[in-house]
Amino acid sequence: MSDIRSFRTEELKERSGELKCGDKILLTGTVYTARDAAHKRFAALLDEGKELPIPLEGAVIYYAGPTPAPEGKAIGSCGPTTSGRMDRFAPRLLDLGLGGMIGKGERSQEVRDAVVRNGAVYLCAVGGAGALACNCIKSCEVIAFDDLGCESVKKLYVENFPVIVADDRFGGDIFSRGRAEYCTAE
């Protein structure tokens, strides 16, 4: 693993060639939250030939459903949700320009192939640390699907949000690598 480096969200896709699975980074910039229900609506909008409520080119989607903000905070607990639930939607969004995704857990081969094909990146945030993660989130604004409550699409501004590169643009996958290392350990 490399030293911890800082990356801006708007540069993530452009600089994805610098990232390898296992790298630890601190992410700063705009990310959008979207979970299962929002992804279903994204797909319906695309099927109807309509625009999405977020700009996809180079964007980063965080698979999270934050809780309401306590007094003095921009947001409540904001930990990652299981990314595999978005696997059926992710390749299409990546092909349309999505630069990166943040979540937890392993992705399907189709998603990993789309990450490579599009020069994108999949990042893992620490599950179970949502109360700590919220300290890195400086602003939160609902921008779409308000009726979905915690699953509405939100625009967040994060500072030094800690993530690990799980799937890189070269086909590296931290989960496969971890299994291989475990199986060869004495």
N, C-alpha and C. Protein backbone atom coordinates (compact mmCIF):
# COMPACT_ATOMS: atom_id res chain seq x y z
N MET A 1 0.84 -1.17 0.00
CA MET A 1 0.00 0.00 0.00
C MET A 1 0.89 1.24 0.00
N SER A 2 0.38 2.26 -0.62
CA SER A 2 1.14 3.49 -0.73
C SER A 2 0.82 4.41 0.44
N ASP A 3 1.55 5.51 0.51
CA ASP A 3 1.23 6.54 1.49
C ASP A 3 -0.13 7.13 1.14
N ILE A 4 -0.71 7.82 2.10
CA ILE A 4 -2.00 8.47 1.87
C ILE A 4 -1.76 9.73 1.03
N ARG A 5 -2.54 9.85 -0.05
CA ARG A 5 -2.44 11.01 -0.93
C ARG A 5 -3.80 11.70 -1.00
N SER A 6 -3.78 12.96 -1.36
CA SER A 6 -5.01 13.73 -1.49
C SER A 6 -5.40 13.86 -2.95
N PHE A 7 -6.71 13.74 -3.21
CA PHE A 7 -7.24 13.89 -4.56
C PHE A 7 -8.49 14.76 -4.51
N ARG A 8 -8.68 15.56 -5.52
CA ARG A 8 -9.90 16.33 -5.71
C ARG A 8 -10.87 15.47 -6.51
N THR A 9 -12.15 15.52 -6.16
CA THR A 9 -13.13 14.69 -6.85
C THR A 9 -13.19 15.01 -8.33
N GLU A 10 -13.08 16.28 -8.69
CA GLU A 10 -13.19 16.65 -10.11
C GLU A 10 -11.99 16.19 -10.94
N GLU A 11 -10.92 15.77 -10.29
CA GLU A 11 -9.74 15.26 -10.99
C GLU A 11 -9.62 13.75 -10.92
N LEU A 12 -10.52 13.11 -10.22
CA LEU A 12 -10.37 11.68 -9.93
C LEU A 12 -10.28 10.85 -11.21
N LYS A 13 -11.20 11.04 -12.12
CA LYS A 13 -11.18 10.23 -13.35
C LYS A 13 -9.95 10.56 -14.19
N GLU A 14 -9.65 11.83 -14.31
CA GLU A 14 -8.50 12.27 -15.09
C GLU A 14 -7.19 11.72 -14.53
N ARG A 15 -7.11 11.60 -13.21
CA ARG A 15 -5.89 11.14 -12.55
C ARG A 15 -5.97 9.68 -12.10
N SER A 16 -6.98 8.95 -12.58
CA SER A 16 -7.15 7.56 -12.13
C SER A 16 -5.98 6.67 -12.50
N GLY A 17 -5.21 7.06 -13.48
CA GLY A 17 -4.03 6.30 -13.86
C GLY A 17 -2.95 6.29 -12.79
N GLU A 18 -3.05 7.21 -11.83
CA GLU A 18 -2.09 7.28 -10.72
C GLU A 18 -2.48 6.36 -9.57
N LEU A 19 -3.67 5.78 -9.65
CA LEU A 19 -4.21 5.01 -8.53
C LEU A 19 -4.16 3.51 -8.78
N LYS A 20 -3.78 2.77 -7.77
CA LYS A 20 -3.75 1.31 -7.83
C LYS A 20 -4.56 0.77 -6.67
N CYS A 21 -5.15 -0.42 -6.86
CA CYS A 21 -5.95 -1.00 -5.78
C CYS A 21 -5.09 -1.10 -4.52
N GLY A 22 -5.70 -0.74 -3.41
CA GLY A 22 -5.01 -0.72 -2.14
C GLY A 22 -4.51 0.65 -1.74
N ASP A 23 -4.42 1.59 -2.69
CA ASP A 23 -3.99 2.95 -2.34
C ASP A 23 -5.00 3.59 -1.40
N LYS A 24 -4.48 4.33 -0.43
CA LYS A 24 -5.32 5.09 0.50
C LYS A 24 -5.30 6.54 0.06
N ILE A 25 -6.49 7.14 -0.05
CA ILE A 25 -6.55 8.53 -0.45
C ILE A 25 -7.53 9.30 0.43
N LEU A 26 -7.32 10.61 0.46
CA LEU A 26 -8.23 11.54 1.10
C LEU A 26 -8.89 12.33 -0.02
N LEU A 27 -10.18 12.25 -0.11
CA LEU A 27 -10.94 12.84 -1.21
C LEU A 27 -11.57 14.16 -0.76
N THR A 28 -11.43 15.19 -1.59
CA THR A 28 -12.03 16.49 -1.32
C THR A 28 -12.77 16.97 -2.56
N GLY A 29 -13.99 17.45 -2.35
CA GLY A 29 -14.78 17.99 -3.46
C GLY A 29 -16.22 17.53 -3.38
N THR A 30 -16.90 17.61 -4.51
CA THR A 30 -18.32 17.27 -4.58
C THR A 30 -18.52 15.78 -4.85
N VAL A 31 -19.39 15.16 -4.07
CA VAL A 31 -19.86 13.80 -4.33
C VAL A 31 -21.39 13.82 -4.23
N TYR A 32 -22.02 12.90 -4.92
CA TYR A 32 -23.48 12.78 -4.90
C TYR A 32 -23.86 11.47 -4.24
N THR A 33 -24.83 11.51 -3.34
CA THR A 33 -25.32 10.27 -2.76
C THR A 33 -26.42 9.71 -3.65
N ALA A 34 -26.43 8.40 -3.79
CA ALA A 34 -27.49 7.72 -4.54
C ALA A 34 -27.44 6.25 -4.15
N ARG A 35 -28.59 5.73 -3.77
CA ARG A 35 -28.71 4.32 -3.42
C ARG A 35 -29.67 3.63 -4.38
N ASP A 36 -30.19 2.49 -3.97
CA ASP A 36 -31.02 1.64 -4.83
C ASP A 36 -32.17 2.40 -5.51
N ALA A 37 -33.00 3.06 -4.71
CA ALA A 37 -34.18 3.72 -5.26
C ALA A 37 -33.81 4.82 -6.24
N ALA A 38 -32.78 5.59 -5.93
CA ALA A 38 -32.34 6.65 -6.84
C ALA A 38 -31.79 6.06 -8.14
N HIS A 39 -31.05 4.95 -8.03
CA HIS A 39 -30.51 4.32 -9.23
C HIS A 39 -31.63 3.80 -10.13
N LYS A 40 -32.69 3.27 -9.54
CA LYS A 40 -33.84 2.82 -10.35
C LYS A 40 -34.43 4.00 -11.10
N ARG A 41 -34.52 5.14 -10.44
CA ARG A 41 -35.05 6.34 -11.11
C ARG A 41 -34.10 6.86 -12.17
N PHE A 42 -32.80 6.78 -11.91
CA PHE A 42 -31.82 7.16 -12.94
C PHE A 42 -32.05 6.32 -14.19
N ALA A 43 -32.19 5.01 -14.01
CA ALA A 43 -32.39 4.11 -15.15
C ALA A 43 -33.66 4.45 -15.90
N ALA A 44 -34.75 4.73 -15.19
CA ALA A 44 -36.01 5.09 -15.84
C ALA A 44 -35.86 6.38 -16.63
N LEU A 45 -35.18 7.36 -16.06
CA LEU A 45 -34.97 8.62 -16.78
C LEU A 45 -34.17 8.40 -18.06
N LEU A 46 -33.11 7.62 -17.95
CA LEU A 46 -32.28 7.33 -19.13
C LEU A 46 -33.08 6.56 -20.18
N ASP A 47 -33.89 5.59 -19.74
CA ASP A 47 -34.73 4.82 -20.67
C ASP A 47 -35.71 5.72 -21.42
N GLU A 48 -36.15 6.79 -20.76
CA GLU A 48 -37.08 7.75 -21.37
C GLU A 48 -36.37 8.83 -22.17
N GLY A 49 -35.04 8.77 -22.23
CA GLY A 49 -34.27 9.76 -22.98
C GLY A 49 -34.15 11.09 -22.26
N LYS A 50 -34.37 11.09 -20.96
CA LYS A 50 -34.30 12.33 -20.17
C LYS A 50 -32.94 12.46 -19.50
N GLU A 51 -32.64 13.69 -19.07
CA GLU A 51 -31.39 13.96 -18.38
C GLU A 51 -31.48 13.55 -16.91
N LEU A 52 -30.33 13.20 -16.38
CA LEU A 52 -30.26 12.88 -14.96
C LEU A 52 -30.16 14.17 -14.15
N PRO A 53 -30.52 14.12 -12.88
CA PRO A 53 -30.45 15.32 -12.05
C PRO A 53 -29.03 15.67 -11.59
N ILE A 54 -28.05 14.85 -11.96
CA ILE A 54 -26.66 15.14 -11.63
C ILE A 54 -25.85 15.10 -12.92
N PRO A 55 -24.78 15.88 -12.99
CA PRO A 55 -23.89 15.80 -14.15
C PRO A 55 -23.01 14.56 -14.00
N LEU A 56 -23.09 13.63 -14.95
CA LEU A 56 -22.34 12.38 -14.79
C LEU A 56 -20.86 12.49 -15.13
N GLU A 57 -20.51 13.32 -16.08
CA GLU A 57 -19.13 13.34 -16.57
C GLU A 57 -18.15 13.63 -15.44
N GLY A 58 -17.36 12.62 -15.09
CA GLY A 58 -16.35 12.74 -14.06
C GLY A 58 -16.88 12.77 -12.63
N ALA A 59 -18.19 12.63 -12.46
CA ALA A 59 -18.80 12.71 -11.13
C ALA A 59 -18.45 11.49 -10.28
N VAL A 60 -18.62 11.65 -8.97
CA VAL A 60 -18.41 10.58 -8.01
C VAL A 60 -19.72 10.37 -7.26
N ILE A 61 -20.21 9.13 -7.28
CA ILE A 61 -21.42 8.78 -6.53
C ILE A 61 -21.02 7.99 -5.30
N TYR A 62 -21.58 8.41 -4.17
CA TYR A 62 -21.36 7.74 -2.88
C TYR A 62 -22.63 6.97 -2.56
N TYR A 63 -22.51 5.67 -2.43
CA TYR A 63 -23.65 4.83 -2.10
C TYR A 63 -23.93 4.96 -0.60
N ALA A 64 -24.74 5.94 -0.26
CA ALA A 64 -25.02 6.23 1.14
C ALA A 64 -26.42 6.82 1.27
N GLY A 65 -27.01 6.62 2.41
CA GLY A 65 -28.30 7.21 2.75
C GLY A 65 -28.16 7.90 4.09
N PRO A 66 -27.64 9.12 4.09
CA PRO A 66 -27.34 9.79 5.35
C PRO A 66 -28.56 10.05 6.22
N THR A 67 -28.30 10.09 7.50
CA THR A 67 -29.36 10.42 8.46
C THR A 67 -29.46 11.94 8.58
N PRO A 68 -30.57 12.43 9.15
CA PRO A 68 -30.71 13.88 9.31
C PRO A 68 -29.58 14.48 10.15
N ALA A 69 -29.29 15.73 9.85
CA ALA A 69 -28.18 16.41 10.53
C ALA A 69 -28.55 16.82 11.95
N PRO A 70 -27.69 16.49 12.91
CA PRO A 70 -27.89 17.02 14.26
C PRO A 70 -27.49 18.51 14.27
N GLU A 71 -27.91 19.21 15.27
CA GLU A 71 -27.59 20.64 15.35
C GLU A 71 -26.08 20.86 15.26
N GLY A 72 -25.70 21.80 14.42
CA GLY A 72 -24.30 22.15 14.26
C GLY A 72 -23.53 21.32 13.24
N LYS A 73 -24.18 20.36 12.61
CA LYS A 73 -23.52 19.50 11.61
C LYS A 73 -24.20 19.67 10.25
N ALA A 74 -23.46 19.42 9.19
CA ALA A 74 -24.02 19.50 7.84
C ALA A 74 -24.88 18.27 7.53
N ILE A 75 -24.60 17.17 8.24
CA ILE A 75 -25.24 15.90 7.92
C ILE A 75 -25.15 14.99 9.14
N GLY A 76 -26.01 13.99 9.18
CA GLY A 76 -25.92 12.99 10.23
C GLY A 76 -24.97 11.88 9.81
N SER A 77 -25.11 10.74 10.41
CA SER A 77 -24.28 9.58 10.07
C SER A 77 -24.37 9.31 8.57
N CYS A 78 -23.22 9.04 7.97
CA CYS A 78 -23.19 8.89 6.51
C CYS A 78 -22.18 7.83 6.10
N GLY A 79 -22.49 6.59 6.45
CA GLY A 79 -21.62 5.48 6.09
C GLY A 79 -22.03 4.87 4.77
N PRO A 80 -21.15 4.09 4.17
CA PRO A 80 -21.42 3.47 2.87
C PRO A 80 -22.40 2.31 2.99
N THR A 81 -23.14 2.09 1.91
CA THR A 81 -24.01 0.93 1.84
C THR A 81 -23.37 -0.08 0.89
N THR A 82 -23.89 -1.28 0.86
CA THR A 82 -23.34 -2.35 0.04
C THR A 82 -23.46 -2.00 -1.44
N SER A 83 -22.33 -1.92 -2.10
CA SER A 83 -22.27 -1.46 -3.49
C SER A 83 -22.87 -2.44 -4.48
N GLY A 84 -22.81 -3.72 -4.17
CA GLY A 84 -23.31 -4.74 -5.10
C GLY A 84 -24.75 -4.53 -5.50
N ARG A 85 -25.53 -3.85 -4.66
CA ARG A 85 -26.93 -3.61 -4.99
C ARG A 85 -27.07 -2.64 -6.18
N MET A 86 -26.03 -1.90 -6.49
CA MET A 86 -26.07 -0.97 -7.62
C MET A 86 -25.37 -1.54 -8.85
N ASP A 87 -24.92 -2.80 -8.76
CA ASP A 87 -24.14 -3.38 -9.86
C ASP A 87 -24.90 -3.41 -11.19
N ARG A 88 -26.19 -3.61 -11.16
CA ARG A 88 -26.93 -3.69 -12.43
C ARG A 88 -27.04 -2.33 -13.10
N PHE A 89 -26.81 -1.25 -12.36
CA PHE A 89 -26.91 0.11 -12.91
C PHE A 89 -25.54 0.71 -13.23
N ALA A 90 -24.52 0.32 -12.50
CA ALA A 90 -23.21 0.98 -12.57
C ALA A 90 -22.55 0.97 -13.95
N PRO A 91 -22.53 -0.16 -14.69
CA PRO A 91 -21.85 -0.12 -15.98
C PRO A 91 -22.42 0.95 -16.94
N ARG A 92 -23.72 1.09 -16.95
CA ARG A 92 -24.35 2.09 -17.81
C ARG A 92 -23.92 3.50 -17.41
N LEU A 93 -23.91 3.78 -16.12
CA LEU A 93 -23.51 5.10 -15.65
C LEU A 93 -22.04 5.36 -15.93
N LEU A 94 -21.20 4.34 -15.75
CA LEU A 94 -19.79 4.49 -16.07
C LEU A 94 -19.59 4.75 -17.56
N ASP A 95 -20.33 4.05 -18.40
CA ASP A 95 -20.23 4.26 -19.85
C ASP A 95 -20.69 5.66 -20.26
N LEU A 96 -21.53 6.28 -19.43
CA LEU A 96 -22.01 7.64 -19.70
C LEU A 96 -21.12 8.71 -19.08
N GLY A 97 -20.01 8.29 -18.45
CA GLY A 97 -19.03 9.26 -17.97
C GLY A 97 -18.78 9.31 -16.49
N LEU A 98 -19.51 8.54 -15.67
CA LEU A 98 -19.27 8.54 -14.23
C LEU A 98 -17.80 8.25 -13.97
N GLY A 99 -17.20 9.06 -13.10
CA GLY A 99 -15.77 8.92 -12.84
C GLY A 99 -15.42 7.98 -11.71
N GLY A 100 -16.31 7.86 -10.73
CA GLY A 100 -16.00 7.00 -9.61
C GLY A 100 -17.20 6.73 -8.73
N MET A 101 -17.06 5.72 -7.90
CA MET A 101 -18.11 5.30 -6.98
C MET A 101 -17.45 5.04 -5.64
N ILE A 102 -18.20 5.31 -4.56
CA ILE A 102 -17.74 5.02 -3.21
C ILE A 102 -18.80 4.15 -2.55
N GLY A 103 -18.38 3.08 -1.93
CA GLY A 103 -19.31 2.21 -1.23
C GLY A 103 -18.55 1.24 -0.36
N LYS A 104 -19.14 0.07 -0.16
CA LYS A 104 -18.43 -0.98 0.56
C LYS A 104 -18.74 -2.31 -0.13
N GLY A 105 -17.78 -3.18 -0.09
CA GLY A 105 -17.96 -4.51 -0.64
C GLY A 105 -17.52 -4.67 -2.07
N GLU A 106 -17.46 -5.92 -2.45
CA GLU A 106 -16.98 -6.33 -3.77
C GLU A 106 -17.98 -5.99 -4.87
N ARG A 107 -17.46 -5.75 -6.08
CA ARG A 107 -18.28 -5.46 -7.25
C ARG A 107 -18.27 -6.65 -8.21
N SER A 108 -19.27 -6.69 -9.08
CA SER A 108 -19.36 -7.76 -10.07
C SER A 108 -18.28 -7.59 -11.14
N GLN A 109 -18.05 -8.66 -11.89
CA GLN A 109 -17.08 -8.58 -12.98
C GLN A 109 -17.50 -7.53 -14.00
N GLU A 110 -18.82 -7.40 -14.25
CA GLU A 110 -19.32 -6.40 -15.21
C GLU A 110 -18.96 -4.98 -14.76
N VAL A 111 -19.06 -4.72 -13.48
CA VAL A 111 -18.69 -3.39 -12.98
C VAL A 111 -17.18 -3.19 -13.08
N ARG A 112 -16.41 -4.19 -12.70
CA ARG A 112 -14.95 -4.07 -12.79
C ARG A 112 -14.51 -3.84 -14.23
N ASP A 113 -15.15 -4.55 -15.16
CA ASP A 113 -14.84 -4.34 -16.59
C ASP A 113 -15.18 -2.92 -17.02
N ALA A 114 -16.30 -2.39 -16.55
CA ALA A 114 -16.71 -1.03 -16.91
C ALA A 114 -15.76 0.01 -16.30
N VAL A 115 -15.25 -0.26 -15.09
CA VAL A 115 -14.26 0.63 -14.49
C VAL A 115 -13.03 0.71 -15.38
N VAL A 116 -12.53 -0.44 -15.83
CA VAL A 116 -11.36 -0.49 -16.70
C VAL A 116 -11.66 0.19 -18.03
N ARG A 117 -12.76 -0.18 -18.65
CA ARG A 117 -13.16 0.34 -19.97
C ARG A 117 -13.25 1.87 -19.97
N ASN A 118 -13.66 2.43 -18.85
CA ASN A 118 -13.91 3.87 -18.79
C ASN A 118 -12.85 4.66 -18.02
N GLY A 119 -11.81 4.00 -17.57
CA GLY A 119 -10.76 4.70 -16.83
C GLY A 119 -11.28 5.33 -15.55
N ALA A 120 -12.17 4.61 -14.88
CA ALA A 120 -12.79 5.11 -13.65
C ALA A 120 -12.15 4.46 -12.44
N VAL A 121 -12.81 4.55 -11.29
CA VAL A 121 -12.27 3.97 -10.07
C VAL A 121 -13.43 3.66 -9.12
N TYR A 122 -13.28 2.57 -8.36
CA TYR A 122 -14.23 2.24 -7.30
C TYR A 122 -13.49 2.33 -6.00
N LEU A 123 -14.03 3.12 -5.08
CA LEU A 123 -13.40 3.38 -3.79
C LEU A 123 -14.24 2.79 -2.67
N CYS A 124 -13.59 2.27 -1.65
CA CYS A 124 -14.31 1.77 -0.48
C CYS A 124 -14.10 2.72 0.69
N ALA A 125 -15.21 2.99 1.36
CA ALA A 125 -15.18 3.73 2.62
C ALA A 125 -15.37 2.71 3.74
N VAL A 126 -15.00 3.06 4.93
CA VAL A 126 -15.08 2.13 6.04
C VAL A 126 -16.53 1.98 6.50
N GLY A 127 -17.05 0.77 6.39
CA GLY A 127 -18.39 0.49 6.87
C GLY A 127 -18.44 0.55 8.39
N GLY A 128 -19.55 1.01 8.93
CA GLY A 128 -19.71 1.10 10.37
C GLY A 128 -19.11 2.35 10.98
N ALA A 129 -18.56 3.23 10.13
CA ALA A 129 -17.93 4.45 10.64
C ALA A 129 -18.66 5.70 10.15
N GLY A 130 -19.95 5.56 9.88
CA GLY A 130 -20.73 6.68 9.35
C GLY A 130 -20.76 7.89 10.26
N ALA A 131 -20.76 7.68 11.57
CA ALA A 131 -20.76 8.80 12.51
C ALA A 131 -19.46 9.58 12.44
N LEU A 132 -18.36 8.89 12.14
CA LEU A 132 -17.08 9.57 11.96
C LEU A 132 -16.98 10.20 10.58
N ALA A 133 -17.49 9.51 9.56
CA ALA A 133 -17.42 10.02 8.19
C ALA A 133 -18.12 11.37 8.05
N CYS A 134 -19.18 11.57 8.81
CA CYS A 134 -19.94 12.81 8.69
C CYS A 134 -19.09 14.03 9.05
N ASN A 135 -18.01 13.83 9.81
CA ASN A 135 -17.13 14.95 10.15
C ASN A 135 -16.36 15.48 8.95
N CYS A 136 -16.25 14.67 7.89
CA CYS A 136 -15.57 15.09 6.67
C CYS A 136 -16.53 15.77 5.68
N ILE A 137 -17.82 15.75 5.98
CA ILE A 137 -18.83 16.31 5.08
C ILE A 137 -19.17 17.71 5.55
N LYS A 138 -18.89 18.69 4.71
CA LYS A 138 -19.02 20.09 5.10
C LYS A 138 -20.33 20.72 4.66
N SER A 139 -20.97 20.14 3.63
CA SER A 139 -22.28 20.66 3.21
C SER A 139 -23.09 19.53 2.59
N CYS A 140 -24.41 19.68 2.66
CA CYS A 140 -25.34 18.68 2.14
C CYS A 140 -26.57 19.40 1.61
N GLU A 141 -26.92 19.08 0.37
CA GLU A 141 -28.10 19.69 -0.26
C GLU A 141 -28.86 18.60 -1.02
N VAL A 142 -30.15 18.45 -0.76
CA VAL A 142 -30.98 17.52 -1.52
C VAL A 142 -31.18 18.14 -2.91
N ILE A 143 -30.85 17.36 -3.95
CA ILE A 143 -31.00 17.90 -5.31
C ILE A 143 -32.00 17.13 -6.16
N ALA A 144 -32.43 15.94 -5.70
CA ALA A 144 -33.40 15.18 -6.50
C ALA A 144 -34.08 14.12 -5.64
N PHE A 145 -35.31 13.80 -6.02
CA PHE A 145 -36.08 12.71 -5.43
C PHE A 145 -36.27 12.88 -3.92
N ASP A 146 -36.63 14.07 -3.50
CA ASP A 146 -36.83 14.39 -2.09
C ASP A 146 -37.79 13.42 -1.41
N ASP A 147 -38.74 12.89 -2.18
CA ASP A 147 -39.72 11.96 -1.62
C ASP A 147 -39.09 10.65 -1.13
N LEU A 148 -37.84 10.39 -1.49
CA LEU A 148 -37.17 9.16 -1.08
C LEU A 148 -36.53 9.28 0.31
N GLY A 149 -36.66 10.43 0.94
CA GLY A 149 -36.11 10.60 2.29
C GLY A 149 -34.61 10.43 2.31
N CYS A 150 -34.11 9.53 3.16
CA CYS A 150 -32.66 9.35 3.28
C CYS A 150 -32.04 8.86 1.97
N GLU A 151 -32.86 8.27 1.09
CA GLU A 151 -32.33 7.80 -0.20
C GLU A 151 -32.44 8.84 -1.31
N SER A 152 -32.85 10.06 -0.99
CA SER A 152 -32.86 11.12 -1.99
C SER A 152 -31.43 11.36 -2.48
N VAL A 153 -31.29 11.98 -3.63
CA VAL A 153 -29.97 12.30 -4.15
C VAL A 153 -29.53 13.60 -3.51
N LYS A 154 -28.35 13.54 -2.91
CA LYS A 154 -27.81 14.71 -2.22
C LYS A 154 -26.47 15.09 -2.83
N LYS A 155 -26.22 16.37 -2.84
CA LYS A 155 -24.92 16.89 -3.26
C LYS A 155 -24.15 17.22 -1.99
N LEU A 156 -23.04 16.53 -1.79
CA LEU A 156 -22.21 16.73 -0.61
C LEU A 156 -20.90 17.41 -1.01
N TYR A 157 -20.38 18.18 -0.10
CA TYR A 157 -19.00 18.66 -0.25
C TYR A 157 -18.21 18.00 0.87
N VAL A 158 -17.20 17.22 0.49
CA VAL A 158 -16.39 16.49 1.46
C VAL A 158 -14.98 17.06 1.49
N GLU A 159 -14.37 16.98 2.67
CA GLU A 159 -12.96 17.38 2.83
C GLU A 159 -12.20 16.26 3.50
N ASN A 160 -11.15 15.82 2.83
CA ASN A 160 -10.28 14.77 3.36
C ASN A 160 -11.06 13.53 3.79
N PHE A 161 -11.96 13.11 2.93
CA PHE A 161 -12.79 11.93 3.16
C PHE A 161 -11.93 10.69 2.88
N PRO A 162 -11.69 9.83 3.89
CA PRO A 162 -10.77 8.70 3.71
C PRO A 162 -11.41 7.52 2.97
N VAL A 163 -10.75 7.09 1.90
CA VAL A 163 -11.21 5.94 1.11
C VAL A 163 -10.00 5.12 0.67
N ILE A 164 -10.28 3.89 0.25
CA ILE A 164 -9.26 2.99 -0.28
C ILE A 164 -9.66 2.61 -1.70
N VAL A 165 -8.70 2.61 -2.61
CA VAL A 165 -8.98 2.20 -3.99
C VAL A 165 -9.23 0.69 -3.98
N ALA A 166 -10.44 0.31 -4.35
CA ALA A 166 -10.80 -1.11 -4.37
C ALA A 166 -10.66 -1.71 -5.77
N ASP A 167 -11.11 -0.98 -6.79
CA ASP A 167 -10.99 -1.42 -8.18
C ASP A 167 -10.38 -0.28 -8.98
N ASP A 168 -9.24 -0.56 -9.64
CA ASP A 168 -8.57 0.49 -10.39
C ASP A 168 -8.76 0.31 -11.89
N ARG A 169 -8.31 1.29 -12.65
CA ARG A 169 -8.51 1.29 -14.10
C ARG A 169 -7.65 0.24 -14.81
N PHE A 170 -6.77 -0.42 -14.09
CA PHE A 170 -5.91 -1.43 -14.67
C PHE A 170 -6.41 -2.85 -14.42
N GLY A 171 -7.57 -2.96 -13.78
CA GLY A 171 -8.14 -4.26 -13.48
C GLY A 171 -7.80 -4.78 -12.11
N GLY A 172 -7.05 -4.00 -11.34
CA GLY A 172 -6.73 -4.41 -9.97
C GLY A 172 -7.99 -4.41 -9.11
N ASP A 173 -8.13 -5.45 -8.29
CA ASP A 173 -9.30 -5.60 -7.42
C ASP A 173 -8.80 -6.02 -6.05
N ILE A 174 -9.03 -5.19 -5.06
CA ILE A 174 -8.52 -5.45 -3.72
C ILE A 174 -9.11 -6.71 -3.09
N PHE A 175 -10.33 -7.06 -3.48
CA PHE A 175 -10.97 -8.24 -2.90
C PHE A 175 -10.34 -9.52 -3.46
N SER A 176 -10.11 -9.58 -4.77
CA SER A 176 -9.44 -10.73 -5.37
C SER A 176 -8.02 -10.85 -4.86
N ARG A 177 -7.34 -9.71 -4.78
CA ARG A 177 -5.96 -9.71 -4.28
C ARG A 177 -5.91 -10.21 -2.84
N GLY A 178 -6.84 -9.77 -2.01
CA GLY A 178 -6.88 -10.19 -0.62
C GLY A 178 -7.10 -11.68 -0.48
N ARG A 179 -8.02 -12.23 -1.29
CA ARG A 179 -8.27 -13.69 -1.25
C ARG A 179 -7.02 -14.46 -1.67
N ALA A 180 -6.35 -13.96 -2.75
CA ALA A 180 -5.16 -14.65 -3.23
C ALA A 180 -4.04 -14.63 -2.18
N GLU A 181 -3.88 -13.49 -1.53
CA GLU A 181 -2.85 -13.39 -0.49
C GLU A 181 -3.17 -14.30 0.70
N TYR A 182 -4.43 -14.38 1.05
CA TYR A 182 -4.85 -15.24 2.16
C TYR A 182 -4.60 -16.71 1.83
N CYS A 183 -4.91 -17.10 0.60
CA CYS A 183 -4.78 -18.51 0.20
C CYS A 183 -3.32 -18.95 0.08
N THR A 184 -2.42 -17.99 -0.13
CA THR A 184 -1.01 -18.36 -0.26
C THR A 184 -0.25 -18.14 1.04
N ALA A 185 -0.90 -17.65 2.06
CA ALA A 185 -0.23 -17.42 3.35
C ALA A 185 0.08 -18.76 4.00
N GLU A 186 1.19 -18.82 4.67
CA GLU A 186 1.58 -20.07 5.33
C GLU A 186 1.01 -20.15 6.72
